[in-house]
Protein backbone atom coordinates (compact mmCIF):
# COMPACT_ATOMS: atom_id res chain seq x y z
CA UNK A 1 10.47 -114.05 18.21
CA UNK A 2 13.62 -112.47 18.65
CA UNK A 3 16.60 -112.75 16.11
CA UNK A 4 18.62 -115.39 16.98
CA UNK A 5 22.16 -115.90 16.25
CA UNK A 6 24.59 -113.31 14.76
CA UNK A 7 22.90 -111.47 12.28
CA UNK A 8 23.48 -107.88 10.95
CA UNK A 9 22.35 -105.37 13.27
CA UNK A 10 19.09 -103.46 12.66
CA UNK A 11 19.77 -100.31 10.72
CA UNK A 12 16.66 -98.57 9.19
CA UNK A 13 16.75 -95.58 6.77
CA UNK A 14 13.48 -94.02 7.69
CA UNK A 15 15.14 -90.10 7.31
CA UNK A 16 15.77 -90.04 3.49
CA UNK A 17 14.85 -86.72 1.65
CA UNK A 18 11.94 -88.77 -0.21
CA UNK A 19 10.37 -85.39 -1.32
CA UNK A 20 13.13 -84.61 -3.98
CA UNK A 21 12.70 -88.20 -5.32
CA UNK A 22 9.34 -87.22 -6.15
CA UNK A 23 8.22 -86.68 -10.03
CA UNK A 24 5.34 -84.66 -10.63
CA UNK A 25 3.49 -83.51 -13.99
CA UNK A 26 1.69 -80.64 -13.94
CA UNK A 27 2.21 -80.13 -17.19
CA UNK A 28 0.04 -82.63 -18.65
CA UNK A 29 -3.23 -80.63 -19.58
CA UNK A 30 -0.85 -78.20 -20.87
CA UNK A 31 0.61 -80.85 -22.87
CA UNK A 32 -2.63 -81.73 -24.33
CA UNK A 33 -3.35 -78.66 -25.66
CA UNK A 34 0.01 -78.43 -27.17
CA UNK A 35 -0.46 -81.44 -29.13
CA UNK A 36 -4.13 -80.25 -30.26
CA UNK A 37 -2.31 -77.37 -31.43
CA UNK A 38 0.39 -78.84 -33.25
CA UNK A 39 -2.25 -81.16 -34.88
CA UNK A 40 -4.21 -77.99 -36.26
CA UNK A 41 -0.89 -76.39 -37.25
CA UNK A 42 0.12 -79.63 -39.25
CA UNK A 43 -2.69 -80.02 -41.12
CA UNK A 44 -3.01 -76.43 -42.10
CA UNK A 45 0.28 -76.73 -43.72
CA UNK A 46 -0.58 -80.07 -45.45
CA UNK A 47 -3.90 -79.07 -46.88
CA UNK A 48 -5.71 -79.43 -48.54
CA UNK A 49 -4.11 -83.05 -48.40
CA UNK A 50 -5.05 -85.80 -46.12
CA UNK A 51 -3.55 -85.56 -42.38
CA UNK A 52 -3.64 -88.89 -42.38
CA UNK A 53 -0.62 -89.04 -44.83
CA UNK A 54 -0.41 -91.78 -47.71
CA UNK A 55 -3.11 -94.38 -48.33
CA UNK A 56 -1.13 -98.11 -47.66
CA UNK A 57 -2.32 -101.60 -48.34
CA UNK A 58 -3.86 -103.78 -46.56
CA UNK A 59 -1.74 -106.61 -44.92
CA UNK A 60 -1.77 -109.48 -42.94
CA UNK A 61 0.67 -110.03 -39.60
CA UNK A 62 3.06 -112.40 -40.08
CA UNK A 63 3.41 -115.85 -38.06
CA UNK A 64 0.66 -118.39 -37.73
CA UNK A 65 -0.22 -116.70 -34.58
CA UNK A 66 -1.24 -113.80 -35.98
CA UNK A 67 -1.99 -113.61 -39.53
CA UNK A 68 -5.70 -114.11 -38.64
CA UNK A 69 -5.72 -110.03 -38.16
CA UNK A 70 -5.41 -107.36 -40.90
CA UNK A 71 -2.72 -104.34 -40.56
CA UNK A 72 -1.50 -101.34 -42.80
CA UNK A 73 1.39 -102.17 -45.00
CA UNK A 74 3.84 -100.22 -45.88
CA UNK A 75 3.29 -99.73 -49.61
CA UNK A 76 1.48 -101.14 -52.55
CA UNK A 77 3.50 -103.34 -54.94
CA UNK A 78 3.94 -102.72 -58.61
CA UNK A 79 1.83 -105.85 -59.59
CA UNK A 80 -0.95 -103.89 -57.70
CA UNK A 81 -0.53 -100.53 -58.89
CA UNK A 82 -0.50 -102.21 -62.54
CA UNK A 83 -3.99 -103.82 -61.60
CA UNK A 84 -5.42 -100.56 -60.95
CA UNK A 85 -3.83 -98.60 -63.93
CA UNK A 86 -1.43 -96.17 -62.25
CA UNK A 87 1.96 -95.30 -62.71
CA UNK A 88 4.02 -96.02 -59.65
CA UNK A 89 6.05 -92.79 -60.85
CA UNK A 90 2.89 -91.14 -60.68
CA UNK A 91 1.40 -92.46 -57.51
CA UNK A 92 3.85 -90.77 -55.05
CA UNK A 93 2.42 -87.84 -56.37
CA UNK A 94 -1.46 -88.71 -55.65
CA UNK A 95 -0.80 -89.81 -52.24
CA UNK A 96 0.18 -93.60 -52.79
CA UNK A 97 2.68 -95.28 -50.87
CA UNK A 98 4.85 -97.43 -52.92
CA UNK A 99 6.55 -100.71 -51.92
CA UNK A 100 9.42 -101.36 -54.66
CA UNK A 101 10.54 -104.97 -52.40
CA UNK A 102 7.11 -106.18 -51.35
CA UNK A 103 5.83 -108.94 -53.15
CA UNK A 104 2.48 -110.38 -54.01
CA UNK A 105 2.19 -114.50 -52.92
CA UNK A 106 -1.53 -114.52 -52.62
CA UNK A 107 -4.08 -113.62 -54.97
CA UNK A 108 -6.72 -112.59 -52.93
CA UNK A 109 -4.46 -110.08 -51.03
CA UNK A 110 -3.69 -108.66 -54.56
CA UNK A 111 -7.51 -108.22 -55.45
CA UNK A 112 -8.61 -107.03 -52.00
CA UNK A 113 -5.41 -104.01 -53.12
CA UNK A 114 -6.29 -103.49 -56.04
CA UNK A 115 -10.40 -102.53 -55.14
CA UNK A 116 -9.00 -100.31 -52.51
CA UNK A 117 -7.01 -98.74 -54.81
CA UNK A 118 -9.76 -98.44 -57.51
CA UNK A 119 -11.72 -96.72 -54.57
CA UNK A 120 -9.56 -94.33 -53.49
CA UNK A 121 -9.37 -93.38 -57.20
CA UNK A 122 -12.95 -92.38 -57.17
CA UNK A 123 -13.60 -90.98 -53.73
CA UNK A 124 -9.95 -88.71 -54.94
CA UNK A 125 -10.22 -85.17 -55.75
CA UNK A 126 -7.05 -83.57 -57.76
CA UNK A 127 -6.57 -79.86 -57.84
CA UNK A 128 -4.83 -78.86 -61.34
CA UNK A 129 -0.99 -77.38 -61.20
CA UNK A 130 -2.01 -74.78 -63.62
CA UNK A 131 -5.90 -73.62 -63.42
CA UNK A 132 -6.11 -72.73 -66.91
CA UNK A 133 -4.07 -75.65 -68.25
CA UNK A 134 -5.87 -79.04 -66.26
CA UNK A 135 -4.49 -82.37 -67.27
CA UNK A 136 -6.13 -85.99 -67.55
CA UNK A 137 -6.48 -86.68 -64.12
CA UNK A 138 -7.17 -83.19 -62.77
CA UNK A 139 -10.67 -82.65 -60.87
CA UNK A 140 -13.39 -80.24 -62.83
CA UNK A 141 -14.21 -76.94 -61.20
CA UNK A 142 -17.42 -77.99 -59.84
CA UNK A 143 -15.77 -81.07 -58.41
CA UNK A 144 -13.32 -78.75 -56.35
CA UNK A 145 -16.18 -76.74 -54.94
CA UNK A 146 -17.26 -80.03 -52.96
CA UNK A 147 -13.53 -80.63 -51.41
CA UNK A 148 -12.73 -80.85 -47.87
CA UNK A 149 -9.44 -82.10 -45.87
CA UNK A 150 -9.81 -85.52 -44.45
CA UNK A 151 -8.70 -85.22 -40.68
CA UNK A 152 -9.04 -88.75 -39.63
CA UNK A 153 -5.71 -90.45 -38.26
CA UNK A 154 -5.73 -92.78 -41.44
CA UNK A 155 -6.57 -92.45 -45.29
CA UNK A 156 -9.30 -95.80 -45.74
CA UNK A 157 -8.35 -97.53 -42.34
CA UNK A 158 -7.99 -100.69 -41.85
CA UNK A 159 -10.82 -102.76 -40.14
CA UNK A 160 -10.78 -106.24 -38.84
CA UNK A 161 -14.11 -107.93 -38.65
CA UNK A 162 -14.74 -110.87 -36.44
CA UNK A 163 -17.05 -112.97 -38.24
CA UNK A 164 -19.43 -114.79 -35.13
CA UNK A 165 -20.98 -118.00 -35.83
CA UNK A 166 -24.72 -118.71 -35.19
CA UNK A 167 -25.99 -120.59 -32.17
CA UNK A 168 -26.60 -124.10 -33.38
CA UNK A 169 -27.52 -127.39 -31.20
CA UNK A 170 -24.66 -129.99 -31.29
CA UNK A 171 -24.73 -133.42 -33.67
CA UNK A 172 -24.49 -136.31 -32.37
CA UNK A 173 -21.61 -136.85 -34.67
CA UNK A 174 -20.02 -134.04 -32.66
CA UNK A 175 -21.38 -136.07 -28.99
CA UNK A 176 -19.64 -138.93 -30.24
CA UNK A 177 -16.51 -137.12 -31.14
CA UNK A 178 -13.47 -138.21 -28.69
CA UNK A 179 -10.80 -135.82 -29.64
CA UNK A 180 -7.90 -138.14 -27.25
CA UNK A 181 -8.79 -141.40 -28.91
CA UNK A 182 -8.13 -139.47 -32.69
CA UNK A 183 -5.03 -137.72 -31.66
CA UNK A 184 -3.59 -140.93 -29.49
CA UNK A 185 -4.60 -143.03 -32.76
CA UNK A 186 -2.79 -140.17 -35.25
CA UNK A 187 0.27 -140.37 -33.22
CA UNK A 188 0.61 -144.24 -33.40
CA UNK A 189 0.07 -143.96 -37.21
CA UNK A 190 2.95 -141.70 -38.10
CA UNK A 191 5.32 -143.14 -35.47
CA UNK A 192 4.49 -146.90 -36.45
CA UNK A 193 4.38 -145.81 -40.54
CA UNK A 194 7.69 -146.52 -41.48
CA UNK A 195 7.87 -150.21 -39.80
CA UNK A 196 4.40 -150.79 -41.79
CA UNK A 197 5.84 -149.76 -44.78
CA UNK A 198 8.78 -151.82 -44.48
CA UNK A 199 6.56 -154.82 -44.00
CA UNK A 200 4.67 -154.09 -47.30
CA UNK A 201 7.45 -153.67 -49.20
CA UNK A 202 8.90 -157.07 -48.02
CA UNK A 203 5.24 -159.13 -48.84
CA UNK A 204 5.62 -157.61 -52.05
CA UNK A 205 9.36 -159.06 -53.13
CA UNK A 206 8.26 -162.32 -51.44
CA UNK A 207 5.51 -162.61 -53.97
CA UNK A 208 7.44 -161.87 -56.64
């Protein structure tokens, strides 16, 4: 159909220099090579320390939506370090992150992180600053011969393990359960709770 009434006259701009506006990225393969070279350079600079940096605690994500998932935290609390018998000043020097602000509100997470620190202590090899004057925590010469650099992205990475329930038969109780009725009854009980409480108190006063 032909256009009606007083409209704008069509004026299509189809002769633009579009090639000037196209963005290309032919440098992608070389960037990949450069990043790999930088990783090797960084590993050599921090050797024999792990490439993944400091050991971090395992914490739960905030809010009810995400608190079922575990992630790496900022640093271990002073209480966790105390449980693992590690001095707070020594911790940073042996590759353990410390967070002075975080507080343990859950006994389970405290015990989990204490166990994580203890496991780290068993795996850790500490090179002496002076080979002729080794300190108490320093590793022996035989242990140092077996030392190698850990090149994983994180030190002792956090793994979320999903618990799957085994298949089973539906019980008669579950079959007869009516979620809509239960929810409606609970909503009604909440709504009428104040009135019922008032009536109960009035009845008690009358009996007196």
